[in-house]
Amino acid sequence: MTKKSSHAMALACVLSCFLAVPFDTLALPDASNQRAGEVSRVIPAVSLTRGSKSMTANAKTPVDWQDVLSTQANGRARVSLDDGSVLNVGSDSSVKVVKHDAGAQQTDLEVTVGKIRSQAQKISQPSGKFEVHTPAGVAGVVGTDFYVSYENGVMNVTVFEGVVKVCNLAGVCVEVKAGQFTTVRNGDSTGPAAPAQAALSDLSAAISATTLETNPGLTEVHHIGKGTAIAIGVLAAIPLVVVPVVASRSSGTLAPPRSNPTGGCSPNNPKGC
């Protein structure tokens, strides 16, 4: 009787501990193990940090939620997300894939420093969103292909296709159309600068800052909006690649920007790119 009684008490204790854990906690997936996509190309070397571990990223390296991609000087990376979107990461950059839910069409990226060109797939889900956060503000896709840099406390957003909604940390927003750019300064509560037309040289500088080398020596054409195109003569030392532009439109709203200070690159200062 004593043995049966002790076994029953032990079982009751285990069950009570199990029931004390909230069911929604048990149902939560481990975000760090959720796949977002994979690295499709790197030059010359890129590191990927997952939790406390750091590794060298190569083509076909999986990218999970919460992973951080870091490039050094002259380093570049391309990431193919599972919904078909493409990220081109420039040199001296750090990009965190906070979340990429292909089914729900929810993507959240953080750029703490550096440059990224995002080419987002069309968003059809009512709650879908594609956002790039920096310490100065957030850029959310209302449509397609755009470039974001954050350096020296300045966020620069240049739009190649569609419309991008850009907000500062105070929630003041502007809409930037294809061929335009805006800047947001860290700590500036007045809002992003009024969108202005970007010069073709500045647009090409943004493209060159985030592309990877393929077929050097060729001339590639990049379309800006519906009626403008940039033809760039590529020398052997200048990396360049064409990634298809996909039109997109989002009905989602921007989440509040995050605050996390660190560095701009501006179309008025292409050398800083």
Protein backbone atom coordinates (compact mmCIF):
# COMPACT_ATOMS: atom_id res chain seq x y z
CA MET A 1 0.00 0.00 0.00
CA THR A 2 2.86 2.35 0.82
CA LYS A 3 4.48 1.78 -2.62
CA LYS A 4 1.20 2.35 -4.47
CA SER A 5 0.52 5.44 -2.41
CA SER A 6 3.97 6.95 -3.12
CA HIS A 7 3.65 6.22 -6.83
CA ALA A 8 0.22 7.85 -6.92
CA MET A 9 1.54 10.93 -5.14
CA ALA A 10 4.48 11.20 -7.57
CA LEU A 11 2.16 10.92 -10.54
CA ALA A 12 -0.15 13.55 -9.10
CA CYS A 13 2.81 15.87 -8.58
CA VAL A 14 3.97 15.48 -12.20
CA LEU A 15 0.46 16.10 -13.52
CA SER A 16 0.03 19.20 -11.38
CA CYS A 17 3.35 20.61 -12.64
CA PHE A 18 2.31 19.91 -16.22
CA LEU A 19 -1.06 21.60 -15.74
CA ALA A 20 0.64 24.62 -14.18
CA VAL A 21 2.33 25.40 -17.51
CA PRO A 22 0.01 27.57 -19.67
CA PHE A 23 -1.20 25.78 -22.79
CA ASP A 24 -0.42 28.79 -24.98
CA THR A 25 3.19 28.62 -23.80
CA LEU A 26 3.38 24.96 -24.80
CA ALA A 27 1.92 25.81 -28.20
CA LEU A 28 4.40 28.61 -28.96
CA PRO A 29 6.93 27.59 -31.62
CA ASP A 30 10.62 28.15 -31.06
CA ALA A 31 11.16 31.22 -33.21
CA SER A 32 14.88 30.57 -33.48
CA ASN A 33 14.16 27.28 -35.28
CA GLN A 34 11.60 28.65 -37.72
CA ARG A 35 12.95 28.84 -41.24
CA ALA A 36 12.84 32.18 -43.07
CA GLY A 37 14.76 31.25 -46.22
CA GLU A 38 18.33 30.61 -47.25
CA VAL A 39 21.47 32.38 -48.37
CA SER A 40 21.69 32.14 -52.15
CA ARG A 41 25.00 33.94 -52.75
CA VAL A 42 27.84 35.52 -50.76
CA ILE A 43 31.01 37.46 -51.63
CA PRO A 44 33.59 36.98 -50.32
CA ALA A 45 32.49 35.80 -46.85
CA VAL A 46 29.51 36.49 -44.61
CA SER A 47 28.89 35.49 -41.01
CA LEU A 48 25.56 34.32 -39.60
CA THR A 49 24.82 34.53 -35.88
CA ARG A 50 22.17 32.24 -34.41
CA GLY A 51 21.70 32.70 -30.68
CA SER A 52 25.13 32.45 -29.09
CA LYS A 53 26.67 30.68 -32.10
CA SER A 54 28.35 32.27 -35.10
CA MET A 55 29.11 30.52 -38.38
CA THR A 56 30.31 31.29 -41.88
CA ALA A 57 27.37 31.54 -44.28
CA ASN A 58 27.61 29.98 -47.73
CA ALA A 59 25.18 29.40 -50.57
CA LYS A 60 22.34 27.17 -49.34
CA THR A 61 22.91 28.06 -45.66
CA PRO A 62 19.44 28.14 -44.03
CA VAL A 63 18.30 31.41 -42.47
CA ASP A 64 15.97 31.17 -39.46
CA TRP A 65 13.95 33.72 -37.53
CA GLN A 66 16.16 35.86 -35.27
CA ASP A 67 19.31 35.12 -37.32
CA VAL A 68 21.73 38.00 -37.90
CA LEU A 69 23.69 38.33 -41.16
CA SER A 70 26.87 40.40 -40.96
CA THR A 71 29.09 41.49 -43.83
CA GLN A 72 32.56 43.00 -43.68
CA ALA A 73 34.19 45.51 -46.02
CA ASN A 74 33.62 44.39 -49.64
CA GLY A 75 31.31 41.60 -48.40
CA ARG A 76 27.83 41.14 -49.86
CA ALA A 77 25.02 38.63 -49.35
CA ARG A 78 21.81 37.67 -51.07
CA VAL A 79 19.03 35.97 -49.13
CA SER A 80 16.09 34.27 -50.82
CA LEU A 81 13.12 34.34 -48.44
CA ASP A 82 10.57 31.53 -48.54
CA ASP A 83 7.82 33.71 -50.02
CA GLY A 84 9.99 34.61 -53.02
CA SER A 85 11.20 37.97 -51.71
CA VAL A 86 14.91 38.76 -52.16
CA LEU A 87 17.26 40.65 -49.83
CA ASN A 88 20.54 42.07 -51.14
CA VAL A 89 22.78 43.04 -48.21
CA GLY A 90 25.63 45.50 -48.82
CA SER A 91 29.07 45.64 -47.24
CA ASP A 92 29.71 46.60 -43.60
CA SER A 93 26.11 45.74 -42.76
CA SER A 94 24.23 43.90 -40.03
CA VAL A 95 20.70 42.66 -40.78
CA LYS A 96 18.50 40.67 -38.42
CA VAL A 97 15.66 38.57 -39.84
CA VAL A 98 13.33 39.05 -36.88
CA LYS A 99 10.44 37.26 -38.55
CA HIS A 100 9.42 35.91 -41.94
CA ASP A 101 6.10 34.08 -42.02
CA ALA A 102 5.57 33.21 -45.67
CA GLY A 103 2.03 31.92 -45.11
CA ALA A 104 0.81 34.98 -43.21
CA GLN A 105 2.99 37.24 -45.38
CA GLN A 106 4.55 38.95 -42.39
CA THR A 107 8.19 40.00 -42.61
CA ASP A 108 10.12 42.04 -40.07
CA LEU A 109 13.78 42.99 -40.62
CA GLU A 110 16.18 45.07 -38.52
CA VAL A 111 19.15 46.96 -39.96
CA THR A 112 21.43 48.14 -37.15
CA VAL A 113 24.04 49.44 -39.56
CA GLY A 114 24.65 49.27 -43.31
CA LYS A 115 22.64 48.85 -46.48
CA ILE A 116 19.95 46.51 -47.76
CA ARG A 117 17.87 46.36 -50.93
CA SER A 118 14.56 44.55 -50.44
CA GLN A 119 12.51 43.21 -53.32
CA ALA A 120 9.25 42.10 -51.77
CA GLN A 121 6.69 39.69 -53.15
CA LYS A 122 3.11 40.88 -53.66
CA ILE A 123 1.21 40.98 -50.37
CA SER A 124 -2.37 39.74 -50.60
CA GLN A 125 -3.13 38.86 -46.96
CA PRO A 126 -5.14 41.54 -45.08
CA SER A 127 -2.68 41.41 -42.18
CA GLY A 128 0.39 41.07 -44.40
CA LYS A 129 3.36 43.39 -43.99
CA PHE A 130 6.99 43.77 -45.02
CA GLU A 131 8.92 46.16 -42.77
CA VAL A 132 12.54 47.22 -42.41
CA HIS A 133 13.38 48.79 -39.03
CA THR A 134 16.40 50.94 -38.20
CA PRO A 135 17.21 52.89 -35.03
CA ALA A 136 15.86 56.02 -36.77
CA GLY A 137 12.57 54.70 -38.16
CA VAL A 138 10.77 52.09 -40.22
CA ALA A 139 10.08 51.55 -43.92
CA GLY A 140 6.99 49.52 -44.80
CA VAL A 141 6.10 48.17 -48.19
CA VAL A 142 3.05 49.59 -49.88
CA GLY A 143 4.79 48.29 -53.00
CA THR A 144 7.92 46.57 -54.06
CA ASP A 145 11.57 47.35 -54.53
CA PHE A 146 13.42 49.71 -52.21
CA TYR A 147 16.83 50.45 -50.67
CA VAL A 148 17.47 51.22 -46.99
CA SER A 149 20.72 52.30 -45.39
CA TYR A 150 21.47 53.32 -41.81
CA GLU A 151 24.81 54.90 -40.94
CA ASN A 152 25.96 57.74 -38.68
CA GLY A 153 22.46 58.18 -37.24
CA VAL A 154 20.78 58.70 -40.63
CA MET A 155 18.32 56.35 -42.34
CA ASN A 156 18.07 56.70 -46.10
CA VAL A 157 15.24 55.15 -48.14
CA THR A 158 15.31 55.09 -51.95
CA VAL A 159 12.40 53.56 -53.88
CA PHE A 160 12.86 51.78 -57.21
CA GLU A 161 9.33 50.45 -57.71
CA GLY A 162 5.96 51.08 -56.05
CA VAL A 163 5.44 53.13 -52.89
CA VAL A 164 7.10 52.81 -49.47
CA LYS A 165 5.74 54.34 -46.27
CA VAL A 166 8.57 55.74 -44.15
CA CYS A 167 8.06 56.75 -40.50
CA ASN A 168 10.27 58.14 -37.77
CA LEU A 169 10.21 56.90 -34.17
CA ALA A 170 7.49 59.41 -33.30
CA GLY A 171 5.20 57.88 -35.93
CA VAL A 172 5.34 60.79 -38.40
CA CYS A 173 5.24 59.27 -41.89
CA VAL A 174 5.68 60.13 -45.55
CA GLU A 175 4.99 58.07 -48.68
CA VAL A 176 7.93 57.74 -51.07
CA LYS A 177 7.22 56.88 -54.70
CA ALA A 178 9.35 55.22 -57.36
CA GLY A 179 12.42 57.28 -58.23
CA GLN A 180 12.23 59.28 -54.99
CA PHE A 181 14.18 59.21 -51.71
CA THR A 182 13.83 60.46 -48.16
CA THR A 183 16.02 60.59 -45.06
CA VAL A 184 15.23 60.17 -41.35
CA ARG A 185 17.59 61.37 -38.65
CA ASN A 186 17.84 59.52 -35.37
CA GLY A 187 16.02 61.46 -32.64
CA ASP A 188 14.36 63.91 -35.06
CA SER A 189 10.70 64.14 -34.05
CA THR A 190 9.70 66.41 -36.94
CA GLY A 191 9.47 63.49 -39.34
CA PRO A 192 11.21 62.20 -42.46
CA ALA A 193 12.40 64.72 -45.04
CA ALA A 194 9.93 65.51 -47.80
CA PRO A 195 10.36 62.95 -50.62
CA ALA A 196 12.52 64.28 -53.45
CA GLN A 197 13.48 63.03 -56.90
CA ALA A 198 16.68 60.99 -56.83
CA ALA A 199 19.32 61.59 -59.49
CA LEU A 200 20.10 58.65 -61.77
CA SER A 201 23.65 58.63 -60.42
CA ASP A 202 22.29 58.26 -56.87
CA LEU A 203 19.93 55.46 -57.92
CA SER A 204 22.78 53.61 -59.62
CA ALA A 205 24.96 54.12 -56.51
CA ALA A 206 22.27 52.49 -54.36
CA ILE A 207 22.06 49.57 -56.78
CA SER A 208 25.83 49.12 -56.88
CA ALA A 209 26.06 49.22 -53.08
CA THR A 210 23.92 46.10 -52.66
CA THR A 211 24.43 43.93 -55.75
CA LEU A 212 26.65 40.88 -56.12
CA GLU A 213 29.06 40.21 -58.96
CA THR A 214 27.85 38.18 -61.93
CA ASN A 215 29.09 38.43 -65.51
CA PRO A 216 31.38 41.44 -64.94
CA GLY A 217 31.89 43.65 -67.95
CA LEU A 218 28.26 43.49 -69.09
CA THR A 219 25.79 46.35 -69.07
CA GLU A 220 22.66 45.70 -67.02
CA VAL A 221 19.38 47.61 -67.11
CA HIS A 222 17.43 48.34 -63.92
CA HIS A 223 13.88 49.66 -64.24
CA ILE A 224 12.79 52.50 -61.99
CA GLY A 225 9.03 52.72 -61.77
CA LYS A 226 7.14 52.06 -64.99
CA GLY A 227 8.85 54.34 -67.47
CA THR A 228 12.46 54.87 -66.45
CA ALA A 229 15.44 52.56 -66.69
CA ILE A 230 19.08 52.81 -65.65
CA ALA A 231 21.75 51.25 -67.84
CA ILE A 232 24.94 50.67 -65.86
CA GLY A 233 28.24 49.79 -67.52
CA VAL A 234 29.94 47.32 -65.23
CA LEU A 235 33.71 47.08 -65.01
CA ALA A 236 35.35 43.90 -63.80
CA ALA A 237 35.90 45.41 -60.36
CA ILE A 238 32.29 46.49 -59.87
CA PRO A 239 29.85 43.78 -58.72
CA LEU A 240 26.40 43.87 -60.29
CA VAL A 241 23.45 41.55 -60.75
CA VAL A 242 19.87 41.91 -61.87
CA VAL A 243 17.18 40.62 -59.53
CA PRO A 244 13.64 40.57 -60.97
CA VAL A 245 11.36 43.36 -59.78
CA VAL A 246 8.01 42.15 -58.46
CA ALA A 247 5.16 44.61 -57.92
CA SER A 248 3.62 44.54 -54.47
CA ARG A 249 0.93 46.20 -52.43
CA SER A 250 0.23 45.86 -48.72
CA SER A 251 -2.94 46.60 -46.81
CA GLY A 252 -1.22 46.13 -43.46
CA THR A 253 -0.21 48.97 -41.13
CA LEU A 254 3.24 49.78 -39.86
CA ALA A 255 4.19 48.48 -36.45
CA PRO A 256 5.72 51.04 -34.04
CA PRO A 257 9.37 51.60 -34.94
CA ARG A 258 12.05 50.29 -32.62
CA SER A 259 14.73 52.38 -31.01
CA ASN A 260 18.33 51.08 -31.14
CA PRO A 261 21.07 53.57 -31.96
CA THR A 262 24.20 53.14 -34.29
CA GLY A 263 24.87 54.78 -38.54
CA GLY A 264 23.77 57.49 -43.35
CA CYS A 265 24.17 57.02 -46.54
CA SER A 266 22.25 59.52 -48.60
CA PRO A 267 21.48 59.93 -52.29
CA ASN A 268 23.06 63.35 -51.82
CA ASN A 269 26.21 61.58 -50.65
CA PRO A 270 26.60 58.45 -52.82
CA LYS A 271 30.20 58.04 -51.68
CA GLY A 272 28.85 57.21 -48.25
CA CYS A 273 27.11 54.21 -49.81
